[in-house]
């Protein structure tokens, strides 16, 4: 049995022998009186293997070994013995570390917003659930205006702080269930599930306004930051494309916002591209060209 366990785990016997303890587990604790010495030896082996696997980041395999140890402790002529405290601590520790590792795997390391991996997975899932939501789903692609000039003028450390602050401002007024993800570089995506079209445009315009009105001199004297965005909306049961198509539509509208003079939110209404907020009152997009009202 011992040889089979070692073979299945991919860990050598010398590694197990060298691992005299697992963090938080008392190896000198008395064995449970409810199990035999042979069983207790296997419980200890499962614990050691779990600790080694956890140290390598193999969380699922580590958890399986701890479950095996718990099952052995539970089996005692129809009686359920108490779970040793050290096993409880070890299971809790592994669960916490697994949850932390998972959270880190879906977060952008610089801004702590969700990353592209999470965005791709979540957006596909949300679009597949569209039939069960009354309002539809909106995606806003947001890009910092002239961000290369920020890096060139103030340096990349300031640029990093700008990205972090922009994410805070974008997330500040998001509705429940909505989230922000870093799409790449200085581009971010706001995903608004179960959102009406007008609400999505208003939320994105409010985010743009927060960025524009923020006191950027706190980061660097003379610094000014604005963003442009494109809002694409998928009606409930619309079936106009998957996640990639949704992002492409938002990207096309972002391009229109940039072409209009930046610092604007573009959306499509009745087949026409329009600008939200003050930009819509000052500028218009006609046949791909920008006309200024004033």
Protein backbone atom coordinates (compact mmCIF):
# COMPACT_ATOMS: atom_id res chain seq x y z
CA UNK A 1 0.00 0.00 0.00
CA UNK A 2 2.78 2.44 0.88
CA UNK A 3 4.57 1.78 -2.42
CA UNK A 4 1.32 2.31 -4.33
CA UNK A 5 0.69 5.63 -2.59
CA UNK A 6 4.18 6.87 -3.37
CA UNK A 7 3.98 5.73 -6.98
CA UNK A 8 0.62 7.44 -7.45
CA UNK A 9 1.82 10.70 -5.96
CA UNK A 10 4.97 11.01 -8.05
CA UNK A 11 7.00 11.70 -4.89
CA UNK A 12 10.01 9.65 -3.88
CA UNK A 13 10.32 7.88 -0.55
CA UNK A 14 13.36 9.98 0.34
CA UNK A 15 11.23 13.12 0.02
CA UNK A 16 8.66 11.74 2.44
CA UNK A 17 11.32 10.69 4.92
CA UNK A 18 12.87 14.14 4.74
CA UNK A 19 9.51 15.73 5.40
CA UNK A 20 9.26 15.11 9.12
CA UNK A 21 6.43 17.58 9.60
CA UNK A 22 3.82 19.59 7.81
CA UNK A 23 3.28 23.21 8.71
CA UNK A 24 0.79 23.38 11.55
CA UNK A 25 0.72 19.61 12.22
CA UNK A 26 2.06 18.16 15.46
CA UNK A 27 3.95 14.99 14.57
CA UNK A 28 4.45 14.10 18.22
CA UNK A 29 0.71 14.07 18.89
CA UNK A 30 -0.64 10.77 20.15
CA UNK A 31 -2.31 8.63 17.47
CA UNK A 32 -6.08 8.42 17.52
CA UNK A 33 -7.18 5.58 19.85
CA UNK A 34 -9.90 4.71 17.35
CA UNK A 35 -7.55 3.40 14.65
CA UNK A 36 -4.85 0.75 14.53
CA UNK A 37 -1.15 1.53 14.46
CA UNK A 38 -1.01 0.41 10.81
CA UNK A 39 -3.88 2.71 9.92
CA UNK A 40 -2.28 5.52 11.88
CA UNK A 41 0.88 5.05 9.85
CA UNK A 42 -1.10 5.40 6.64
CA UNK A 43 -2.84 8.50 7.98
CA UNK A 44 0.56 10.04 8.69
CA UNK A 45 1.77 9.08 5.22
CA UNK A 46 -1.26 10.70 3.61
CA UNK A 47 -0.58 13.84 5.65
CA UNK A 48 3.08 13.94 4.63
CA UNK A 49 2.19 13.46 0.98
CA UNK A 50 -0.42 16.21 1.26
CA UNK A 51 2.14 18.61 2.71
CA UNK A 52 4.68 17.88 0.00
CA UNK A 53 2.12 18.19 -2.78
CA UNK A 54 0.83 21.45 -1.32
CA UNK A 55 4.36 22.87 -1.19
CA UNK A 56 4.57 22.17 -4.93
CA UNK A 57 1.27 23.89 -5.61
CA UNK A 58 -0.56 20.63 -6.37
CA UNK A 59 -3.62 21.62 -4.35
CA UNK A 60 -6.11 19.09 -5.69
CA UNK A 61 -3.79 16.13 -5.11
CA UNK A 62 -2.94 17.40 -1.62
CA UNK A 63 -6.61 17.72 -0.76
CA UNK A 64 -7.29 14.18 -2.02
CA UNK A 65 -4.65 12.78 0.34
CA UNK A 66 -6.10 14.70 3.27
CA UNK A 67 -9.55 13.38 2.42
CA UNK A 68 -8.13 9.86 2.43
CA UNK A 69 -6.62 10.47 5.86
CA UNK A 70 -9.94 11.75 7.17
CA UNK A 71 -11.84 8.79 5.72
CA UNK A 72 -9.51 6.37 7.50
CA UNK A 73 -10.07 8.18 10.79
CA UNK A 74 -13.84 8.09 10.27
CA UNK A 75 -14.01 4.31 9.74
CA UNK A 76 -14.38 2.63 13.14
CA UNK A 77 -17.02 -0.06 13.50
CA UNK A 78 -19.90 2.23 12.66
CA UNK A 79 -18.78 4.98 15.03
CA UNK A 80 -17.59 8.40 13.92
CA UNK A 81 -14.48 9.36 15.85
CA UNK A 82 -13.57 13.00 16.38
CA UNK A 83 -11.36 14.46 13.69
CA UNK A 84 -7.89 15.15 15.09
CA UNK A 85 -7.34 18.87 15.52
CA UNK A 86 -4.14 18.79 13.47
CA UNK A 87 -6.06 17.37 10.51
CA UNK A 88 -8.69 20.09 10.82
CA UNK A 89 -5.99 22.74 10.84
CA UNK A 90 -4.26 21.23 7.84
CA UNK A 91 -7.45 20.99 5.78
CA UNK A 92 -8.33 24.60 6.64
CA UNK A 93 -4.83 25.76 5.74
CA UNK A 94 -4.91 24.00 2.38
CA UNK A 95 -8.32 25.40 1.58
CA UNK A 96 -7.18 28.94 2.39
CA UNK A 97 -4.00 28.60 0.36
CA UNK A 98 -5.91 27.10 -2.55
CA UNK A 99 -8.43 29.96 -2.46
CA UNK A 100 -5.61 32.52 -2.34
CA UNK A 101 -3.76 30.84 -5.21
CA UNK A 102 -6.93 30.77 -7.31
CA UNK A 103 -7.63 34.44 -6.60
CA UNK A 104 -4.09 35.37 -7.62
CA UNK A 105 -4.43 33.38 -10.85
CA UNK A 106 -7.39 35.49 -12.02
CA UNK A 107 -6.08 38.91 -10.94
CA UNK A 108 -3.81 41.35 -12.74
CA UNK A 109 -0.68 41.70 -10.63
CA UNK A 110 -0.32 45.47 -11.13
CA UNK A 111 -3.86 46.78 -10.84
CA UNK A 112 -5.51 43.86 -8.94
CA UNK A 113 -8.41 44.06 -11.41
CA UNK A 114 -9.42 40.79 -13.02
CA UNK A 115 -7.10 39.60 -15.78
CA UNK A 116 -7.70 38.59 -19.40
CA UNK A 117 -8.01 34.92 -18.47
CA UNK A 118 -10.89 35.61 -16.09
CA UNK A 119 -12.51 38.00 -18.57
CA UNK A 120 -12.53 35.44 -21.37
CA UNK A 121 -13.95 32.68 -19.17
CA UNK A 122 -16.54 34.82 -17.40
CA UNK A 123 -17.76 36.59 -20.52
CA UNK A 124 -18.39 33.29 -22.30
CA UNK A 125 -20.31 32.02 -19.27
CA UNK A 126 -22.39 35.20 -18.96
CA UNK A 127 -23.34 35.23 -22.63
CA UNK A 128 -24.43 31.60 -22.40
CA UNK A 129 -26.76 32.60 -19.53
CA UNK A 130 -28.34 35.47 -21.46
CA UNK A 131 -31.70 33.74 -21.86
CA UNK A 132 -32.28 33.92 -18.13
CA UNK A 133 -31.67 37.67 -17.73
CA UNK A 134 -34.28 40.30 -18.60
CA UNK A 135 -32.05 43.17 -19.69
CA UNK A 136 -29.05 41.78 -21.53
CA UNK A 137 -25.32 42.25 -21.07
CA UNK A 138 -23.06 45.20 -21.85
CA UNK A 139 -19.34 45.35 -22.48
CA UNK A 140 -17.42 48.64 -22.38
CA UNK A 141 -13.89 48.71 -23.74
CA UNK A 142 -11.99 51.55 -22.07
CA UNK A 143 -8.62 52.90 -23.21
CA UNK A 144 -6.42 55.57 -21.64
CA UNK A 145 -5.87 58.54 -23.95
CA UNK A 146 -2.27 59.39 -24.86
CA UNK A 147 -0.92 56.96 -22.27
CA UNK A 148 2.39 56.59 -24.11
CA UNK A 149 2.99 60.30 -23.56
CA UNK A 150 2.38 59.81 -19.83
CA UNK A 151 5.08 57.13 -19.71
CA UNK A 152 7.46 59.15 -21.90
CA UNK A 153 7.00 62.35 -19.89
CA UNK A 154 6.72 61.09 -16.31
CA UNK A 155 8.26 57.61 -16.43
CA UNK A 156 6.86 54.11 -16.11
CA UNK A 157 6.51 54.23 -12.32
CA UNK A 158 4.10 57.13 -12.65
CA UNK A 159 2.43 55.27 -15.51
CA UNK A 160 1.88 52.28 -13.23
CA UNK A 161 0.33 54.48 -10.55
CA UNK A 162 -1.94 56.02 -13.17
CA UNK A 163 -3.17 52.57 -14.24
CA UNK A 164 -3.85 51.61 -10.63
CA UNK A 165 -5.77 54.82 -9.99
CA UNK A 166 -7.78 54.50 -13.20
CA UNK A 167 -8.90 51.01 -12.17
CA UNK A 168 -10.07 52.35 -8.79
CA UNK A 169 -12.05 55.08 -10.54
CA UNK A 170 -13.56 52.67 -13.07
CA UNK A 171 -14.63 50.25 -10.36
CA UNK A 172 -15.93 52.89 -7.98
CA UNK A 173 -19.43 53.24 -9.42
CA UNK A 174 -20.02 49.80 -10.90
CA UNK A 175 -23.36 48.11 -10.19
CA UNK A 176 -23.55 44.86 -8.28
CA UNK A 177 -22.33 41.87 -10.34
CA UNK A 178 -20.40 44.14 -12.72
CA UNK A 179 -16.62 43.92 -12.83
CA UNK A 180 -13.51 45.45 -14.38
CA UNK A 181 -10.81 43.42 -16.13
CA UNK A 182 -7.51 44.41 -17.69
CA UNK A 183 -7.73 43.63 -21.39
CA UNK A 184 -4.09 44.40 -22.11
CA UNK A 185 -1.69 47.32 -21.73
CA UNK A 186 -3.76 50.41 -20.95
CA UNK A 187 -7.07 48.88 -22.07
CA UNK A 188 -9.72 47.71 -19.61
CA UNK A 189 -13.12 46.09 -19.99
CA UNK A 190 -16.19 46.84 -17.90
CA UNK A 191 -18.63 43.93 -17.95
CA UNK A 192 -22.17 44.78 -16.86
CA UNK A 193 -24.43 41.71 -16.59
CA UNK A 194 -28.22 42.09 -16.54
CA UNK A 195 -27.87 45.69 -17.67
CA UNK A 196 -30.15 47.80 -19.84
CA UNK A 197 -28.52 49.59 -22.75
CA UNK A 198 -29.12 53.13 -21.42
CA UNK A 199 -27.84 52.12 -17.98
CA UNK A 200 -24.63 50.70 -19.46
CA UNK A 201 -23.95 53.91 -21.39
CA UNK A 202 -24.64 56.01 -18.28
CA UNK A 203 -22.36 53.88 -16.08
CA UNK A 204 -19.53 54.10 -18.62
CA UNK A 205 -19.97 57.85 -19.08
CA UNK A 206 -19.90 58.32 -15.30
CA UNK A 207 -16.64 56.36 -15.13
CA UNK A 208 -15.14 58.50 -17.90
CA UNK A 209 -16.18 61.64 -16.02
CA UNK A 210 -14.63 60.41 -12.76
CA UNK A 211 -11.30 59.89 -14.51
CA UNK A 212 -11.43 63.34 -16.11
CA UNK A 213 -12.34 65.12 -12.85
CA UNK A 214 -9.80 63.31 -10.68
CA UNK A 215 -6.98 65.41 -9.20
CA UNK A 216 -4.04 63.81 -11.00
CA UNK A 217 -1.56 66.36 -9.64
CA UNK A 218 -1.42 64.18 -6.51
CA UNK A 219 0.60 61.72 -8.61
CA UNK A 220 2.56 64.22 -10.72
CA UNK A 221 2.40 67.99 -11.18
CA UNK A 222 0.72 68.93 -14.45
CA UNK A 223 -0.53 65.39 -15.10
CA UNK A 224 -3.88 65.05 -16.85
CA UNK A 225 -5.54 61.74 -17.67
CA UNK A 226 -8.65 60.97 -19.70
CA UNK A 227 -10.15 57.81 -21.17
CA UNK A 228 -12.23 56.89 -24.19
CA UNK A 229 -14.68 53.99 -24.35
CA UNK A 230 -16.95 52.02 -26.63
CA UNK A 231 -20.12 50.39 -25.28
CA UNK A 232 -21.57 47.27 -26.91
CA UNK A 233 -24.83 45.79 -25.66
CA UNK A 234 -26.14 42.27 -26.16
CA UNK A 235 -29.93 42.11 -25.62
CA UNK A 236 -31.35 39.20 -23.67
CA UNK A 237 -31.63 36.33 -26.13
CA UNK A 238 -30.16 38.56 -28.82
CA UNK A 239 -27.84 35.93 -30.23
CA UNK A 240 -25.75 38.46 -32.15
CA UNK A 241 -22.46 36.73 -31.45
CA UNK A 242 -20.21 35.36 -28.76
CA UNK A 243 -17.67 36.97 -26.47
CA UNK A 244 -15.23 37.75 -29.28
CA UNK A 245 -17.90 39.49 -31.35
CA UNK A 246 -19.02 41.49 -28.34
CA UNK A 247 -15.48 42.73 -27.74
CA UNK A 248 -14.99 43.50 -31.44
CA UNK A 249 -18.12 45.66 -31.47
CA UNK A 250 -16.92 47.50 -28.37
CA UNK A 251 -13.49 47.96 -29.97
CA UNK A 252 -15.04 49.45 -33.11
CA UNK A 253 -16.98 51.93 -31.00
CA UNK A 254 -13.87 52.74 -28.97
CA UNK A 255 -12.17 53.64 -32.26
CA UNK A 256 -15.06 56.01 -33.03
CA UNK A 257 -14.65 57.65 -29.62
CA UNK A 258 -10.93 58.12 -30.29
CA UNK A 259 -11.60 59.55 -33.74
CA UNK A 260 -14.09 62.01 -32.27
CA UNK A 261 -11.31 63.67 -30.29
CA UNK A 262 -10.92 61.27 -27.34
CA UNK A 263 -12.24 61.69 -23.79
CA UNK A 264 -15.60 60.34 -24.97
CA UNK A 265 -17.92 57.33 -24.78
CA UNK A 266 -19.30 56.02 -28.07
CA UNK A 267 -22.29 53.74 -28.54
CA UNK A 268 -24.57 52.67 -31.38
CA UNK A 269 -28.20 53.76 -31.38
CA UNK A 270 -30.54 52.95 -34.24
CA UNK A 271 -27.64 52.12 -36.52
CA UNK A 272 -25.89 55.42 -35.82
CA UNK A 273 -22.81 55.97 -33.68
CA UNK A 274 -23.38 58.55 -30.98
CA UNK A 275 -21.36 60.08 -28.16
CA UNK A 276 -22.56 60.19 -24.55
CA UNK A 277 -22.54 63.15 -22.17
CA UNK A 278 -20.90 66.51 -22.91
CA UNK A 279 -19.00 65.11 -25.91
CA UNK A 280 -22.32 64.25 -27.55
CA UNK A 281 -23.48 67.86 -27.16
CA UNK A 282 -20.27 69.27 -28.64
CA UNK A 283 -19.46 66.73 -31.33
CA UNK A 284 -21.29 64.44 -33.74
CA UNK A 285 -20.16 61.49 -35.82
CA UNK A 286 -21.55 61.57 -39.36
CA UNK A 287 -20.54 58.87 -41.84
CA UNK A 288 -17.40 58.21 -39.86
CA UNK A 289 -16.43 61.89 -39.74
CA UNK A 290 -16.52 64.13 -36.68
CA UNK A 291 -18.46 67.39 -36.83
CA UNK A 292 -18.01 69.94 -34.05
CA UNK A 293 -20.99 71.92 -32.81
CA UNK A 294 -18.90 74.51 -31.03
